[in-house]
Amino acid sequence: MAIGSDRMSPLTLAFAVLGLSGFALGAMVTATGSFEMGVILMGLGLMFQVISLVRLKRAKSKANNEGSSNARG
């Protein structure tokens, strides 16, 4: 296993932060101002969250595959 491979990728972390902040901003805009713009921002936030979750799932499966191949010898 490589050093630091158990850490989250900075790009994945950026997608997660963008997703949370985009959804929160969209909820605030929907409640206080333009309904359509708020819904669009919430949708973008959800899209970024899905991207970050897919990246985490791929990284986890890649780490599991590397560990199992090393265990086989």
N, C-alpha and C. Protein backbone atom coordinates (compact mmCIF):
# COMPACT_ATOMS: atom_id res chain seq x y z
N MET A 1 0.85 -1.18 0.00
CA MET A 1 0.00 0.00 0.00
C MET A 1 0.89 1.24 0.00
N ALA A 2 0.55 2.19 -0.80
CA ALA A 2 1.34 3.42 -0.91
C ALA A 2 1.11 4.31 0.30
N ILE A 3 2.10 5.11 0.58
CA ILE A 3 1.99 6.04 1.70
C ILE A 3 0.93 7.09 1.39
N GLY A 4 0.03 7.33 2.32
CA GLY A 4 -1.00 8.35 2.15
C GLY A 4 -2.17 7.92 1.29
N SER A 5 -2.27 6.64 0.96
CA SER A 5 -3.37 6.20 0.10
C SER A 5 -4.70 6.13 0.85
N ASP A 6 -4.65 6.22 2.19
CA ASP A 6 -5.89 6.17 2.96
C ASP A 6 -6.53 7.54 3.10
N ARG A 7 -5.94 8.56 2.51
CA ARG A 7 -6.50 9.91 2.58
C ARG A 7 -7.47 10.15 1.42
N MET A 8 -8.35 11.12 1.65
CA MET A 8 -9.29 11.50 0.61
C MET A 8 -8.58 12.41 -0.40
N SER A 9 -8.85 12.19 -1.65
CA SER A 9 -8.28 13.01 -2.71
C SER A 9 -8.76 14.47 -2.55
N PRO A 10 -7.89 15.44 -2.79
CA PRO A 10 -8.32 16.84 -2.69
C PRO A 10 -9.46 17.19 -3.65
N LEU A 11 -9.46 16.59 -4.82
CA LEU A 11 -10.54 16.84 -5.78
C LEU A 11 -11.87 16.28 -5.26
N THR A 12 -11.83 15.10 -4.67
CA THR A 12 -13.04 14.51 -4.10
C THR A 12 -13.56 15.38 -2.96
N LEU A 13 -12.66 15.86 -2.13
CA LEU A 13 -13.05 16.74 -1.04
C LEU A 13 -13.65 18.04 -1.57
N ALA A 14 -13.08 18.57 -2.65
CA ALA A 14 -13.63 19.79 -3.25
C ALA A 14 -15.04 19.56 -3.79
N PHE A 15 -15.27 18.39 -4.43
CA PHE A 15 -16.62 18.07 -4.91
C PHE A 15 -17.60 17.97 -3.75
N ALA A 16 -17.18 17.38 -2.64
CA ALA A 16 -18.07 17.24 -1.48
C ALA A 16 -18.41 18.61 -0.89
N VAL A 17 -17.42 19.48 -0.77
CA VAL A 17 -17.65 20.82 -0.22
C VAL A 17 -18.54 21.63 -1.16
N LEU A 18 -18.27 21.54 -2.45
CA LEU A 18 -19.12 22.24 -3.43
C LEU A 18 -20.55 21.73 -3.36
N GLY A 19 -20.72 20.44 -3.18
CA GLY A 19 -22.05 19.87 -3.10
C GLY A 19 -22.82 20.36 -1.90
N LEU A 20 -22.17 20.34 -0.74
CA LEU A 20 -22.85 20.79 0.47
C LEU A 20 -23.15 22.28 0.44
N SER A 21 -22.17 23.07 0.03
CA SER A 21 -22.39 24.52 0.01
C SER A 21 -23.38 24.90 -1.10
N GLY A 22 -23.33 24.23 -2.23
CA GLY A 22 -24.28 24.53 -3.31
C GLY A 22 -25.70 24.20 -2.92
N PHE A 23 -25.89 23.07 -2.24
CA PHE A 23 -27.24 22.72 -1.81
C PHE A 23 -27.74 23.69 -0.75
N ALA A 24 -26.87 24.05 0.20
CA ALA A 24 -27.28 25.00 1.25
C ALA A 24 -27.62 26.36 0.67
N LEU A 25 -26.78 26.83 -0.26
CA LEU A 25 -27.04 28.11 -0.91
C LEU A 25 -28.35 28.07 -1.70
N GLY A 26 -28.57 26.95 -2.40
CA GLY A 26 -29.81 26.79 -3.15
C GLY A 26 -31.03 26.79 -2.26
N ALA A 27 -30.94 26.14 -1.11
CA ALA A 27 -32.07 26.14 -0.17
C ALA A 27 -32.34 27.54 0.35
N MET A 28 -31.27 28.29 0.62
CA MET A 28 -31.45 29.65 1.13
C MET A 28 -32.06 30.56 0.05
N VAL A 29 -31.57 30.43 -1.18
CA VAL A 29 -32.10 31.25 -2.27
C VAL A 29 -33.56 30.89 -2.55
N THR A 30 -33.89 29.61 -2.49
CA THR A 30 -35.27 29.19 -2.71
C THR A 30 -36.20 29.78 -1.67
N ALA A 31 -35.74 29.78 -0.43
CA ALA A 31 -36.59 30.28 0.66
C ALA A 31 -36.73 31.80 0.65
N THR A 32 -35.70 32.51 0.18
CA THR A 32 -35.72 33.96 0.31
C THR A 32 -35.91 34.71 -1.00
N GLY A 33 -35.64 34.06 -2.12
CA GLY A 33 -35.68 34.81 -3.38
C GLY A 33 -36.25 34.01 -4.52
N SER A 34 -35.47 33.91 -5.55
CA SER A 34 -35.90 33.25 -6.79
C SER A 34 -36.00 31.74 -6.61
N PHE A 35 -37.20 31.23 -6.78
CA PHE A 35 -37.44 29.80 -6.62
C PHE A 35 -36.66 28.99 -7.65
N GLU A 36 -36.70 29.42 -8.91
CA GLU A 36 -36.06 28.66 -9.98
C GLU A 36 -34.55 28.59 -9.80
N MET A 37 -33.94 29.72 -9.45
CA MET A 37 -32.48 29.73 -9.26
C MET A 37 -32.09 28.85 -8.08
N GLY A 38 -32.88 28.87 -7.02
CA GLY A 38 -32.60 28.03 -5.86
C GLY A 38 -32.66 26.55 -6.17
N VAL A 39 -33.65 26.17 -6.96
CA VAL A 39 -33.78 24.76 -7.34
C VAL A 39 -32.61 24.34 -8.22
N ILE A 40 -32.18 25.21 -9.11
CA ILE A 40 -31.02 24.91 -9.96
C ILE A 40 -29.77 24.73 -9.10
N LEU A 41 -29.56 25.61 -8.14
CA LEU A 41 -28.39 25.50 -7.26
C LEU A 41 -28.44 24.23 -6.41
N MET A 42 -29.62 23.88 -5.92
CA MET A 42 -29.75 22.63 -5.15
C MET A 42 -29.46 21.42 -6.03
N GLY A 43 -29.92 21.46 -7.27
CA GLY A 43 -29.63 20.37 -8.20
C GLY A 43 -28.15 20.23 -8.49
N LEU A 44 -27.47 21.35 -8.67
CA LEU A 44 -26.02 21.31 -8.88
C LEU A 44 -25.31 20.77 -7.64
N GLY A 45 -25.79 21.17 -6.47
CA GLY A 45 -25.20 20.67 -5.24
C GLY A 45 -25.34 19.16 -5.12
N LEU A 46 -26.51 18.65 -5.47
CA LEU A 46 -26.72 17.20 -5.44
C LEU A 46 -25.84 16.50 -6.46
N MET A 47 -25.67 17.11 -7.62
CA MET A 47 -24.81 16.52 -8.64
C MET A 47 -23.37 16.39 -8.14
N PHE A 48 -22.87 17.45 -7.49
CA PHE A 48 -21.51 17.40 -6.95
C PHE A 48 -21.39 16.35 -5.84
N GLN A 49 -22.44 16.18 -5.04
CA GLN A 49 -22.42 15.15 -4.00
C GLN A 49 -22.35 13.76 -4.62
N VAL A 50 -23.11 13.53 -5.67
CA VAL A 50 -23.09 12.22 -6.34
C VAL A 50 -21.71 11.96 -6.93
N ILE A 51 -21.10 12.97 -7.53
CA ILE A 51 -19.76 12.80 -8.10
C ILE A 51 -18.77 12.44 -7.01
N SER A 52 -18.84 13.11 -5.86
CA SER A 52 -17.90 12.81 -4.78
C SER A 52 -18.12 11.41 -4.23
N LEU A 53 -19.38 10.98 -4.12
CA LEU A 53 -19.66 9.63 -3.62
C LEU A 53 -19.18 8.56 -4.59
N VAL A 54 -19.33 8.80 -5.89
CA VAL A 54 -18.84 7.85 -6.89
C VAL A 54 -17.32 7.75 -6.81
N ARG A 55 -16.65 8.89 -6.66
CA ARG A 55 -15.18 8.88 -6.54
C ARG A 55 -14.73 8.14 -5.28
N LEU A 56 -15.46 8.32 -4.18
CA LEU A 56 -15.11 7.59 -2.95
C LEU A 56 -15.32 6.09 -3.12
N LYS A 57 -16.40 5.70 -3.78
CA LYS A 57 -16.68 4.29 -3.99
C LYS A 57 -15.60 3.65 -4.88
N ARG A 58 -15.20 4.36 -5.92
CA ARG A 58 -14.14 3.83 -6.80
C ARG A 58 -12.82 3.70 -6.05
N ALA A 59 -12.49 4.70 -5.22
CA ALA A 59 -11.24 4.64 -4.46
C ALA A 59 -11.27 3.49 -3.47
N LYS A 60 -12.42 3.26 -2.85
CA LYS A 60 -12.53 2.16 -1.90
C LYS A 60 -12.38 0.81 -2.59
N SER A 61 -13.04 0.64 -3.73
CA SER A 61 -12.93 -0.64 -4.45
C SER A 61 -11.51 -0.84 -4.98
N LYS A 62 -10.87 0.24 -5.40
CA LYS A 62 -9.49 0.12 -5.87
C LYS A 62 -8.57 -0.28 -4.72
N ALA A 63 -8.77 0.30 -3.54
CA ALA A 63 -7.95 -0.05 -2.38
C ALA A 63 -8.20 -1.50 -1.97
N ASN A 64 -9.46 -1.95 -2.03
CA ASN A 64 -9.77 -3.33 -1.68
C ASN A 64 -9.15 -4.30 -2.68
N ASN A 65 -9.18 -3.96 -3.96
CA ASN A 65 -8.57 -4.83 -4.98
C ASN A 65 -7.07 -4.91 -4.83
N GLU A 66 -6.43 -3.80 -4.50
CA GLU A 66 -4.99 -3.82 -4.29
C GLU A 66 -4.63 -4.64 -3.07
N GLY A 67 -5.43 -4.54 -2.03
CA GLY A 67 -5.16 -5.32 -0.82
C GLY A 67 -5.36 -6.79 -1.03
N SER A 68 -6.37 -7.18 -1.77
CA SER A 68 -6.61 -8.61 -1.99
C SER A 68 -5.58 -9.20 -2.93
N SER A 69 -5.11 -8.44 -3.91
CA SER A 69 -4.10 -8.99 -4.81
C SER A 69 -2.76 -9.15 -4.08
N ASN A 70 -2.47 -8.27 -3.13
CA ASN A 70 -1.24 -8.40 -2.36
C ASN A 70 -1.33 -9.57 -1.40
N ALA A 71 -2.51 -9.87 -0.90
CA ALA A 71 -2.67 -10.96 0.06
C ALA A 71 -2.51 -12.32 -0.61
N ARG A 72 -2.81 -12.39 -1.89
CA ARG A 72 -2.68 -13.66 -2.60
C ARG A 72 -1.23 -14.05 -2.86
N GLY A 73 -0.40 -13.04 -2.88
CA GLY A 73 1.02 -13.32 -3.06
C GLY A 73 1.34 -13.43 -4.49
